[in-house]
PDB file of N, CA and C in Angstrom:
ATOM      1  N   MET A   1       0.840  -1.191   0.000  1.00  0.00           N
ATOM      2  CA  MET A   1       0.000   0.000   0.000  1.00  0.00           C
ATOM      3  C   MET A   1       0.880   1.248   0.000  1.00  0.00           C
ATOM      4  N   LYS A   2       0.408   2.278  -0.659  1.00  0.00           N
ATOM      5  CA  LYS A   2       1.148   3.529  -0.692  1.00  0.00           C
ATOM      6  C   LYS A   2       1.008   4.253   0.642  1.00  0.00           C
ATOM      7  N   LYS A   3       2.046   4.919   1.043  1.00  0.00           N
ATOM      8  CA  LYS A   3       2.016   5.665   2.297  1.00  0.00           C
ATOM      9  C   LYS A   3       1.293   6.986   2.109  1.00  0.00           C
ATOM     10  N   ASP A   4       0.642   7.448   3.165  1.00  0.00           N
ATOM     11  CA  ASP A   4      -0.052   8.737   3.229  1.00  0.00           C
ATOM     12  C   ASP A   4      -1.200   8.856   2.224  1.00  0.00           C
ATOM     13  N   VAL A   5      -1.727   7.754   1.725  1.00  0.00           N
ATOM     14  CA  VAL A   5      -2.856   7.791   0.799  1.00  0.00           C
ATOM     15  C   VAL A   5      -4.136   7.322   1.501  1.00  0.00           C
ATOM     16  N   HIS A   6      -3.998   6.285   2.295  1.00  0.00           N
ATOM     17  CA  HIS A   6      -5.154   5.682   2.950  1.00  0.00           C
ATOM     18  C   HIS A   6      -5.343   6.263   4.352  1.00  0.00           C
ATOM     19  N   PRO A   7      -6.610   6.384   4.793  1.00  0.00           N
ATOM     20  CA  PRO A   7      -6.837   6.859   6.161  1.00  0.00           C
ATOM     21  C   PRO A   7      -6.374   5.812   7.172  1.00  0.00           C
ATOM     22  N   ALA A   8      -6.109   6.266   8.363  1.00  0.00           N
ATOM     23  CA  ALA A   8      -5.601   5.378   9.410  1.00  0.00           C
ATOM     24  C   ALA A   8      -6.691   4.416   9.877  1.00  0.00           C
ATOM     25  N   TYR A   9      -6.335   3.168  10.003  1.00  0.00           N
ATOM     26  CA  TYR A   9      -7.242   2.152  10.519  1.00  0.00           C
ATOM     27  C   TYR A   9      -7.155   2.191  12.046  1.00  0.00           C
ATOM     28  N   GLN A  10      -8.297   2.318  12.704  1.00  0.00           N
ATOM     29  CA  GLN A  10      -8.316   2.463  14.152  1.00  0.00           C
ATOM     30  C   GLN A  10      -9.589   1.865  14.721  1.00  0.00           C
ATOM     31  N   GLU A  11      -9.640   1.716  16.010  1.00  0.00           N
ATOM     32  CA  GLU A  11     -10.859   1.258  16.666  1.00  0.00           C
ATOM     33  C   GLU A  11     -11.779   2.457  16.844  1.00  0.00           C
ATOM     34  N   VAL A  12     -13.045   2.295  16.450  1.00  0.00           N
ATOM     35  CA  VAL A  12     -14.046   3.360  16.535  1.00  0.00           C
ATOM     36  C   VAL A  12     -15.207   2.850  17.367  1.00  0.00           C
ATOM     37  N   LEU A  13     -15.721   3.709  18.241  1.00  0.00           N
ATOM     38  CA  LEU A  13     -16.848   3.367  19.094  1.00  0.00           C
ATOM     39  C   LEU A  13     -18.137   3.786  18.393  1.00  0.00           C
ATOM     40  N   PHE A  14     -18.980   2.809  18.057  1.00  0.00           N
ATOM     41  CA  PHE A  14     -20.280   3.076  17.450  1.00  0.00           C
ATOM     42  C   PHE A  14     -21.329   2.947  18.540  1.00  0.00           C
ATOM     43  N   VAL A  15     -22.204   3.967  18.678  1.00  0.00           N
ATOM     44  CA  VAL A  15     -23.234   3.965  19.709  1.00  0.00           C
ATOM     45  C   VAL A  15     -24.593   4.065  19.037  1.00  0.00           C
ATOM     46  N   ASP A  16     -25.486   3.118  19.363  1.00  0.00           N
ATOM     47  CA  ASP A  16     -26.858   3.125  18.854  1.00  0.00           C
ATOM     48  C   ASP A  16     -27.623   4.202  19.615  1.00  0.00           C
ATOM     49  N   SER A  17     -28.122   5.223  18.917  1.00  0.00           N
ATOM     50  CA  SER A  17     -28.779   6.344  19.583  1.00  0.00           C
ATOM     51  C   SER A  17     -30.148   5.975  20.153  1.00  0.00           C
ATOM     52  N   SER A  18     -30.772   4.890  19.697  1.00  0.00           N
ATOM     53  CA  SER A  18     -32.082   4.528  20.233  1.00  0.00           C
ATOM     54  C   SER A  18     -31.997   3.651  21.476  1.00  0.00           C
ATOM     55  N   THR A  19     -30.957   2.831  21.601  1.00  0.00           N
ATOM     56  CA  THR A  19     -30.844   1.955  22.770  1.00  0.00           C
ATOM     57  C   THR A  19     -29.641   2.273  23.648  1.00  0.00           C
ATOM     58  N   GLY A  20     -28.669   2.984  23.128  1.00  0.00           N
ATOM     59  CA  GLY A  20     -27.484   3.311  23.898  1.00  0.00           C
ATOM     60  C   GLY A  20     -26.430   2.217  23.890  1.00  0.00           C
ATOM     61  N   THR A  21     -26.638   1.164  23.117  1.00  0.00           N
ATOM     62  CA  THR A  21     -25.682   0.065  23.034  1.00  0.00           C
ATOM     63  C   THR A  21     -24.423   0.530  22.304  1.00  0.00           C
ATOM     64  N   SER A  22     -23.270   0.138  22.815  1.00  0.00           N
ATOM     65  CA  SER A  22     -21.987   0.534  22.232  1.00  0.00           C
ATOM     66  C   SER A  22     -21.298  -0.661  21.588  1.00  0.00           C
ATOM     67  N   TYR A  23     -20.655  -0.405  20.453  1.00  0.00           N
ATOM     68  CA  TYR A  23     -19.893  -1.420  19.734  1.00  0.00           C
ATOM     69  C   TYR A  23     -18.527  -0.840  19.417  1.00  0.00           C
ATOM     70  N   LEU A  24     -17.487  -1.593  19.684  1.00  0.00           N
ATOM     71  CA  LEU A  24     -16.131  -1.181  19.354  1.00  0.00           C
ATOM     72  C   LEU A  24     -15.706  -1.961  18.117  1.00  0.00           C
ATOM     73  N   ILE A  25     -15.513  -1.235  17.007  1.00  0.00           N
ATOM     74  CA  ILE A  25     -15.255  -1.872  15.715  1.00  0.00           C
ATOM     75  C   ILE A  25     -14.056  -1.185  15.058  1.00  0.00           C
ATOM     76  N   GLY A  26     -13.226  -1.938  14.404  1.00  0.00           N
ATOM     77  CA  GLY A  26     -12.118  -1.372  13.645  1.00  0.00           C
ATOM     78  C   GLY A  26     -12.636  -0.723  12.374  1.00  0.00           C
ATOM     79  N   SER A  27     -12.198   0.510  12.102  1.00  0.00           N
ATOM     80  CA  SER A  27     -12.695   1.251  10.948  1.00  0.00           C
ATOM     81  C   SER A  27     -11.702   2.339  10.557  1.00  0.00           C
ATOM     82  N   THR A  28     -11.865   2.871   9.342  1.00  0.00           N
ATOM     83  CA  THR A  28     -11.075   4.017   8.899  1.00  0.00           C
ATOM     84  C   THR A  28     -11.864   5.309   9.044  1.00  0.00           C
ATOM     85  N   LEU A  29     -13.031   5.235   9.663  1.00  0.00           N
ATOM     86  CA  LEU A  29     -13.892   6.403   9.859  1.00  0.00           C
ATOM     87  C   LEU A  29     -13.182   7.439  10.732  1.00  0.00           C
ATOM     88  N   GLN A  30     -13.174   8.678  10.283  1.00  0.00           N
ATOM     89  CA  GLN A  30     -12.551   9.771  11.025  1.00  0.00           C
ATOM     90  C   GLN A  30     -13.657  10.653  11.601  1.00  0.00           C
ATOM     91  N   THR A  31     -13.726  10.774  12.922  1.00  0.00           N
ATOM     92  CA  THR A  31     -14.761  11.589  13.565  1.00  0.00           C
ATOM     93  C   THR A  31     -14.114  12.631  14.460  1.00  0.00           C
ATOM     94  N   LYS A  32     -14.876  13.688  14.727  1.00  0.00           N
ATOM     95  CA  LYS A  32     -14.398  14.746  15.616  1.00  0.00           C
ATOM     96  C   LYS A  32     -14.806  14.468  17.057  1.00  0.00           C
ATOM     97  N   GLU A  33     -15.884  13.714  17.225  1.00  0.00           N
ATOM     98  CA  GLU A  33     -16.404  13.427  18.553  1.00  0.00           C
ATOM     99  C   GLU A  33     -15.642  12.256  19.188  1.00  0.00           C
ATOM    100  N   LYS A  34     -15.415  12.338  20.487  1.00  0.00           N
ATOM    101  CA  LYS A  34     -14.720  11.288  21.224  1.00  0.00           C
ATOM    102  C   LYS A  34     -15.662  10.685  22.256  1.00  0.00           C
ATOM    103  N   GLY A  35     -15.484   9.404  22.521  1.00  0.00           N
ATOM    104  CA  GLY A  35     -16.292   8.726  23.519  1.00  0.00           C
ATOM    105  C   GLY A  35     -15.439   7.807  24.361  1.00  0.00           C
ATOM    106  N   LYS A  36     -15.882   7.566  25.589  1.00  0.00           N
ATOM    107  CA  LYS A  36     -15.121   6.727  26.505  1.00  0.00           C
ATOM    108  C   LYS A  36     -15.786   5.356  26.590  1.00  0.00           C
ATOM    109  N   PHE A  37     -14.983   4.308  26.447  1.00  0.00           N
ATOM    110  CA  PHE A  37     -15.473   2.936  26.528  1.00  0.00           C
ATOM    111  C   PHE A  37     -14.450   2.111  27.283  1.00  0.00           C
ATOM    112  N   GLU A  38     -14.879   1.508  28.364  1.00  0.00           N
ATOM    113  CA  GLU A  38     -14.021   0.696  29.219  1.00  0.00           C
ATOM    114  C   GLU A  38     -12.752   1.440  29.624  1.00  0.00           C
ATOM    115  N   GLY A  39     -12.917   2.713  29.974  1.00  0.00           N
ATOM    116  CA  GLY A  39     -11.806   3.505  30.486  1.00  0.00           C
ATOM    117  C   GLY A  39     -10.855   4.072  29.457  1.00  0.00           C
ATOM    118  N   LYS A  40     -11.154   3.913  28.181  1.00  0.00           N
ATOM    119  CA  LYS A  40     -10.264   4.414  27.132  1.00  0.00           C
ATOM    120  C   LYS A  40     -11.065   5.277  26.160  1.00  0.00           C
ATOM    121  N   ASP A  41     -10.451   6.357  25.643  1.00  0.00           N
ATOM    122  CA  ASP A  41     -11.112   7.250  24.678  1.00  0.00           C
ATOM    123  C   ASP A  41     -10.978   6.708  23.267  1.00  0.00           C
ATOM    124  N   TYR A  42     -12.081   6.763  22.530  1.00  0.00           N
ATOM    125  CA  TYR A  42     -12.122   6.317  21.134  1.00  0.00           C
ATOM    126  C   TYR A  42     -12.870   7.355  20.304  1.00  0.00           C
ATOM    127  N   PRO A  43     -12.617   7.407  18.993  1.00  0.00           N
ATOM    128  CA  PRO A  43     -13.472   8.223  18.116  1.00  0.00           C
ATOM    129  C   PRO A  43     -14.898   7.671  18.205  1.00  0.00           C
ATOM    130  N   LEU A  44     -15.884   8.552  18.248  1.00  0.00           N
ATOM    131  CA  LEU A  44     -17.274   8.147  18.469  1.00  0.00           C
ATOM    132  C   LEU A  44     -18.122   8.430  17.234  1.00  0.00           C
ATOM    133  N   CYS A  45     -18.927   7.454  16.857  1.00  0.00           N
ATOM    134  CA  CYS A  45     -19.878   7.607  15.751  1.00  0.00           C
ATOM    135  C   CYS A  45     -21.248   7.152  16.248  1.00  0.00           C
ATOM    136  N   ARG A  46     -22.244   8.011  16.141  1.00  0.00           N
ATOM    137  CA  ARG A  46     -23.605   7.665  16.558  1.00  0.00           C
ATOM    138  C   ARG A  46     -24.382   7.152  15.348  1.00  0.00           C
ATOM    139  N   VAL A  47     -25.052   6.026  15.531  1.00  0.00           N
ATOM    140  CA  VAL A  47     -25.850   5.436  14.462  1.00  0.00           C
ATOM    141  C   VAL A  47     -27.312   5.388  14.913  1.00  0.00           C
ATOM    142  N   PRO A  48     -28.254   5.633  13.998  1.00  0.00           N
ATOM    143  CA  PRO A  48     -29.669   5.657  14.388  1.00  0.00           C
ATOM    144  C   PRO A  48     -30.247   4.278  14.674  1.00  0.00           C
ATOM    145  N   ILE A  49     -29.686   3.237  14.065  1.00  0.00           N
ATOM    146  CA  ILE A  49     -30.226   1.895  14.250  1.00  0.00           C
ATOM    147  C   ILE A  49     -29.099   0.879  14.123  1.00  0.00           C
ATOM    148  N   SER A  50     -29.178  -0.160  14.927  1.00  0.00           N
ATOM    149  CA  SER A  50     -28.186  -1.234  14.875  1.00  0.00           C
ATOM    150  C   SER A  50     -28.896  -2.548  15.149  1.00  0.00           C
ATOM    151  N   SER A  51     -28.140  -3.614  15.292  1.00  0.00           N
ATOM    152  CA  SER A  51     -28.753  -4.914  15.549  1.00  0.00           C
ATOM    153  C   SER A  51     -29.454  -4.956  16.904  1.00  0.00           C
ATOM    154  N   SER A  52     -29.109  -4.056  17.800  1.00  0.00           N
ATOM    155  CA  SER A  52     -29.764  -4.047  19.112  1.00  0.00           C
ATOM    156  C   SER A  52     -31.109  -3.331  19.093  1.00  0.00           C
ATOM    157  N   SER A  53     -31.415  -2.607  18.020  1.00  0.00           N
ATOM    158  CA  SER A  53     -32.693  -1.894  17.967  1.00  0.00           C
ATOM    159  C   SER A  53     -33.520  -2.208  16.723  1.00  0.00           C
ATOM    160  N   HIS A  54     -32.970  -2.918  15.757  1.00  0.00           N
ATOM    161  CA  HIS A  54     -33.706  -3.218  14.532  1.00  0.00           C
ATOM    162  C   HIS A  54     -34.721  -4.326  14.789  1.00  0.00           C
ATOM    163  N   PRO A  55     -35.986  -4.162  14.323  1.00  0.00           N
ATOM    164  CA  PRO A  55     -37.035  -5.158  14.581  1.00  0.00           C
ATOM    165  C   PRO A  55     -36.706  -6.555  14.065  1.00  0.00           C
ATOM    166  N   PHE A  56     -35.940  -6.662  13.001  1.00  0.00           N
ATOM    167  CA  PHE A  56     -35.591  -7.981  12.480  1.00  0.00           C
ATOM    168  C   PHE A  56     -34.776  -8.774  13.502  1.00  0.00           C
ATOM    169  N   PHE A  57     -33.837  -8.108  14.172  1.00  0.00           N
ATOM    170  CA  PHE A  57     -32.972  -8.788  15.125  1.00  0.00           C
ATOM    171  C   PHE A  57     -33.606  -8.904  16.510  1.00  0.00           C
ATOM    172  N   THR A  58     -34.460  -7.944  16.879  1.00  0.00           N
ATOM    173  CA  THR A  58     -35.051  -7.958  18.217  1.00  0.00           C
ATOM    174  C   THR A  58     -36.375  -8.700  18.253  1.00  0.00           C
ATOM    175  N   LYS A  59     -36.918  -9.042  17.078  1.00  0.00           N
ATOM    176  CA  LYS A  59     -38.220  -9.716  16.958  1.00  0.00           C
ATOM    177  C   LYS A  59     -39.352  -8.867  17.534  1.00  0.00           C
ATOM    178  N   ALA A  60     -39.171  -7.571  17.540  1.00  0.00           N
ATOM    179  CA  ALA A  60     -40.193  -6.652  18.038  1.00  0.00           C
ATOM    180  C   ALA A  60     -41.241  -6.428  16.959  1.00  0.00           C
ATOM    181  N   LYS A  61     -42.442  -6.180  17.368  1.00  0.00           N
ATOM    182  CA  LYS A  61     -43.541  -5.929  16.429  1.00  0.00           C
ATOM    183  C   LYS A  61     -43.520  -4.499  15.915  1.00  0.00           C
ATOM    184  N   GLN A  62     -42.966  -3.602  16.697  1.00  0.00           N
ATOM    185  CA  GLN A  62     -43.028  -2.189  16.354  1.00  0.00           C
ATOM    186  C   GLN A  62     -41.624  -1.606  16.280  1.00  0.00           C
ATOM    187  N   PHE A  63     -41.411  -0.713  15.322  1.00  0.00           N
ATOM    188  CA  PHE A  63     -40.130  -0.058  15.136  1.00  0.00           C
ATOM    189  C   PHE A  63     -40.063   1.176  16.036  1.00  0.00           C
ATOM    190  N   ILE A  64     -39.000   1.286  16.836  1.00  0.00           N
ATOM    191  CA  ILE A  64     -38.813   2.438  17.713  1.00  0.00           C
ATOM    192  C   ILE A  64     -37.811   3.360  17.045  1.00  0.00           C
ATOM    193  N   ASP A  65     -38.246   4.576  16.747  1.00  0.00           N
ATOM    194  CA  ASP A  65     -37.394   5.530  16.050  1.00  0.00           C
ATOM    195  C   ASP A  65     -37.037   6.662  17.006  1.00  0.00           C
ATOM    196  N   SER A  66     -35.831   6.653  17.515  1.00  0.00           N
ATOM    197  CA  SER A  66     -35.433   7.656  18.506  1.00  0.00           C
ATOM    198  C   SER A  66     -35.200   9.022  17.879  1.00  0.00           C
ATOM    199  N   GLU A  67     -34.917   9.075  16.616  1.00  0.00           N
ATOM    200  CA  GLU A  67     -34.647  10.358  15.975  1.00  0.00           C
ATOM    201  C   GLU A  67     -35.915  11.024  15.472  1.00  0.00           C
ATOM    202  N   GLY A  68     -37.048  10.343  15.575  1.00  0.00           N
ATOM    203  CA  GLY A  68     -38.330  10.959  15.285  1.00  0.00           C
ATOM    204  C   GLY A  68     -38.695  11.063  13.822  1.00  0.00           C
ATOM    205  N   ARG A  69     -38.080  10.285  12.955  1.00  0.00           N
ATOM    206  CA  ARG A  69     -38.401  10.386  11.530  1.00  0.00           C
ATOM    207  C   ARG A  69     -39.815   9.919  11.240  1.00  0.00           C
ATOM    208  N   VAL A  70     -40.254   8.871  11.940  1.00  0.00           N
ATOM    209  CA  VAL A  70     -41.608   8.373  11.728  1.00  0.00           C
ATOM    210  C   VAL A  70     -42.621   9.404  12.197  1.00  0.00           C
ATOM    211  N   ASP A  71     -42.389   9.985  13.380  1.00  0.00           N
ATOM    212  CA  ASP A  71     -43.289  11.016  13.896  1.00  0.00           C
ATOM    213  C   ASP A  71     -43.298  12.245  12.998  1.00  0.00           C
ATOM    214  N   LYS A  72     -42.137  12.617  12.497  1.00  0.00           N
ATOM    215  CA  LYS A  72     -42.035  13.777  11.607  1.00  0.00           C
ATOM    216  C   LYS A  72     -42.868  13.555  10.344  1.00  0.00           C
ATOM    217  N   PHE A  73     -42.780  12.345   9.780  1.00  0.00           N
ATOM    218  CA  PHE A  73     -43.567  12.039   8.589  1.00  0.00           C
ATOM    219  C   PHE A  73     -45.059  12.054   8.905  1.00  0.00           C
ATOM    220  N   ALA A  74     -45.453  11.478  10.039  1.00  0.00           N
ATOM    221  CA  ALA A  74     -46.867  11.433  10.410  1.00  0.00           C
ATOM    222  C   ALA A  74     -47.420  12.841  10.590  1.00  0.00           C
ATOM    223  N   LYS A  75     -46.661  13.724  11.235  1.00  0.00           N
ATOM    224  CA  LYS A  75     -47.107  15.108  11.426  1.00  0.00           C
ATOM    225  C   LYS A  75     -47.224  15.831  10.089  1.00  0.00           C
ATOM    226  N   LYS A  76     -46.253  15.606   9.218  1.00  0.00           N
ATOM    227  CA  LYS A  76     -46.263  16.248   7.903  1.00  0.00           C
ATOM    228  C   LYS A  76     -47.473  15.785   7.096  1.00  0.00           C
ATOM    229  N   TYR A  77     -47.753  14.482   7.142  1.00  0.00           N
ATOM    230  CA  TYR A  77     -48.904  13.935   6.423  1.00  0.00           C
ATOM    231  C   TYR A  77     -50.201  14.473   7.006  1.00  0.00           C
ATOM    232  N   GLN A  78     -50.309  14.547   8.334  1.00  0.00           N
ATOM    233  CA  GLN A  78     -51.513  15.061   8.986  1.00  0.00           C
ATOM    234  C   GLN A  78     -51.739  16.525   8.621  1.00  0.00           C
ATOM    235  N   ARG A  79     -50.671  17.307   8.568  1.00  0.00           N
ATOM    236  CA  ARG A  79     -50.771  18.714   8.196  1.00  0.00           C
ATOM    237  C   ARG A  79     -51.305  18.853   6.773  1.00  0.00           C
ATOM    238  N   LYS A  80     -50.836  17.998   5.866  1.00  0.00           N
ATOM    239  CA  LYS A  80     -51.289  18.042   4.480  1.00  0.00           C
ATOM    240  C   LYS A  80     -52.772  17.693   4.387  1.00  0.00           C
ATOM    241  N   VAL A  81     -53.199  16.692   5.152  1.00  0.00           N
ATOM    242  CA  VAL A  81     -54.610  16.295   5.160  1.00  0.00           C
ATOM    243  C   VAL A  81     -55.474  17.450   5.652  1.00  0.00           C
ATOM    244  N   GLU A  82     -55.026  18.155   6.692  1.00  0.00           N
ATOM    245  CA  GLU A  82     -55.773  19.294   7.228  1.00  0.00           C
ATOM    246  C   GLU A  82     -55.855  20.428   6.209  1.00  0.00           C
ATOM    247  N   GLU A  83     -54.768  20.680   5.485  1.00  0.00           N
ATOM    248  CA  GLU A  83     -54.768  21.738   4.467  1.00  0.00           C
ATOM    249  C   GLU A  83     -55.765  21.418   3.361  1.00  0.00           C
ATOM    250  N   VAL A  84     -55.792  20.173   2.910  1.00  0.00           N
ATOM    251  CA  VAL A  84     -56.721  19.762   1.853  1.00  0.00           C
ATOM    252  C   VAL A  84     -58.158  19.908   2.336  1.00  0.00           C
ATOM    253  N   LYS A  85     -58.427  19.534   3.576  1.00  0.00           N
ATOM    254  CA  LYS A  85     -59.781  19.648   4.121  1.00  0.00           C
ATOM    255  C   LYS A  85     -60.216  21.105   4.205  1.00  0.00           C
ATOM    256  N   LYS A  86     -59.323  21.987   4.652  1.00  0.00           N
ATOM    257  CA  LYS A  86     -59.643  23.419   4.721  1.00  0.00           C
ATOM    258  C   LYS A  86     -59.956  23.965   3.335  1.00  0.00           C
ATOM    259  N   GLU A  87     -59.164  23.546   2.344  1.00  0.00           N
ATOM    260  CA  GLU A  87     -59.384  23.999   0.972  1.00  0.00           C
ATOM    261  C   GLU A  87     -60.737  23.526   0.461  1.00  0.00           C
ATOM    262  N   GLN A  88     -61.108  22.289   0.762  1.00  0.00           N
ATOM    263  CA  GLN A  88     -62.414  21.773   0.347  1.00  0.00           C
ATOM    264  C   GLN A  88     -63.540  22.539   1.028  1.00  0.00           C
ATOM    265  N   ASP A  89     -63.385  22.863   2.304  1.00  0.00           N
ATOM    266  CA  ASP A  89     -64.397  23.631   3.033  1.00  0.00           C
ATOM    267  C   ASP A  89     -64.568  25.019   2.419  1.00  0.00           C
ATOM    268  N   LYS A  90     -63.466  25.656   2.050  1.00  0.00           N
ATOM    269  CA  LYS A  90     -63.539  26.985   1.419  1.00  0.00           C
ATOM    270  C   LYS A  90     -64.279  26.902   0.088  1.00  0.00           C
ATOM    271  N   GLN A  91     -64.006  25.868  -0.703  1.00  0.00           N
ATOM    272  CA  GLN A  91     -64.675  25.709  -1.986  1.00  0.00           C
ATOM    273  C   GLN A  91     -66.167  25.490  -1.808  1.00  0.00           C
ATOM    274  N   GLU A  92     -66.557  24.697  -0.813  1.00  0.00           N
ATOM    275  CA  GLU A  92     -67.976  24.458  -0.548  1.00  0.00           C
ATOM    276  C   GLU A  92     -68.671  25.738  -0.117  1.00  0.00           C
ATOM    277  N   GLU A  93     -68.015  26.542   0.737  1.00  0.00           N
ATOM    278  CA  GLU A  93     -68.597  27.811   1.172  1.00  0.00           C
ATOM    279  C   GLU A  93     -68.734  28.772  -0.003  1.00  0.00           C
ATOM    280  N   ALA A  94     -67.746  28.772  -0.896  1.00  0.00           N
ATOM    281  CA  ALA A  94     -67.812  29.643  -2.069  1.00  0.00           C
ATOM    282  C   ALA A  94     -68.969  29.231  -2.976  1.00  0.00           C
ATOM    283  N   LYS A  95     -69.209  27.929  -3.124  1.00  0.00           N
ATOM    284  CA  LYS A  95     -70.333  27.451  -3.937  1.00  0.00           C
ATOM    285  C   LYS A  95     -71.655  27.858  -3.312  1.00  0.00           C
ATOM    286  N   LYS A  96     -71.771  27.719  -1.996  1.00  0.00           N
ATOM    287  CA  LYS A  96     -73.006  28.100  -1.301  1.00  0.00           C
ATOM    288  C   LYS A  96     -73.260  29.597  -1.437  1.00  0.00           C
ATOM    289  N   ALA A  97     -72.205  30.399  -1.305  1.00  0.00           N
ATOM    290  CA  ALA A  97     -72.336  31.840  -1.435  1.00  0.00           C
ATOM    291  C   ALA A  97     -72.730  32.215  -2.858  1.00  0.00           C
ATOM    292  N   ALA A  98     -72.201  31.505  -3.836  1.00  0.00           N
ATOM    293  CA  ALA A  98     -72.527  31.792  -5.229  1.00  0.00           C
ATOM    294  C   ALA A  98     -73.976  31.441  -5.517  1.00  0.00           C
ATOM    295  N   VAL A  99     -74.474  30.365  -4.939  1.00  0.00           N
ATOM    296  CA  VAL A  99     -75.866  29.956  -5.143  1.00  0.00           C
ATOM    297  C   VAL A  99     -76.803  30.971  -4.498  1.00  0.00           C
ATOM    298  N   LYS A 100     -76.466  31.459  -3.325  1.00  0.00           N
ATOM    299  CA  LYS A 100     -77.303  32.429  -2.626  1.00  0.00           C
ATOM    300  C   LYS A 100     -77.311  33.780  -3.325  1.00  0.00           C
ATOM    301  N   SER A 101     -76.224  34.161  -3.921  1.00  0.00           N
ATOM    302  CA  SER A 101     -76.116  35.478  -4.545  1.00  0.00           C
ATOM    303  C   SER A 101     -76.667  35.537  -5.955  1.00  0.00           C
ATOM    304  N   LYS A 102     -77.013  34.381  -6.559  1.00  0.00           N
ATOM    305  CA  LYS A 102     -77.576  34.391  -7.897  1.00  0.00           C
ATOM    306  C   LYS A 102     -78.982  34.982  -7.860  1.00  0.00           C
ATOM    307  N   PRO A 103     -79.273  35.861  -8.794  1.00  0.00           N
ATOM    308  CA  PRO A 103     -80.642  36.421  -8.832  1.00  0.00           C
ATOM    309  C   PRO A 103     -81.611  35.335  -9.334  1.00  0.00           C
ATOM    310  N   THR A 104     -82.759  35.289  -8.727  1.00  0.00           N
ATOM    311  CA  THR A 104     -83.761  34.323  -9.131  1.00  0.00           C
ATOM    312  C   THR A 104     -84.632  34.929 -10.222  1.00  0.00           C
ATOM    313  N   LYS A 105     -85.022  34.114 -11.169  1.00  0.00           N
ATOM    314  CA  LYS A 105     -85.864  34.585 -12.262  1.00  0.00           C
ATOM    315  C   LYS A 105     -87.329  34.574 -11.829  1.00  0.00           C
ATOM    316  N   LYS A 106     -88.020  35.658 -12.122  1.00  0.00           N
ATOM    317  CA  LYS A 106     -89.441  35.735 -11.793  1.00  0.00           C
ATOM    318  C   LYS A 106     -90.235  35.422 -13.035  1.00  0.00           C
ATOM    319  N   LYS A 107     -91.302  34.684 -12.840  1.00  0.00           N
ATOM    320  CA  LYS A 107     -92.152  34.317 -13.956  1.00  0.00           C
ATOM    321  C   LYS A 107     -93.305  35.251 -14.104  1.00  0.00           C
TER     322      LYS A 107
END
């Protein structure tokens, strides 16, 4: 291997943000954050999901999302549904107002 081309291979501490489980794995990942594991400092990388929190490995029925992506999507979808309903209500009121304001023909 050529010198000074490849990043340094080192032990990196990966922490599952949903369960807090820590894994010490060899990697070339370079991080600015440091974490302490078994009395020694390591570069720290936070991951949103790992084998300790993924439903496939835990056999859980429900997915727990600590970063709130599922909740964020649900809120965004609910907001869109409310906007569409408000728009439909405005259109119905405009139709009713138009019907009331039409002059009636006298025979």
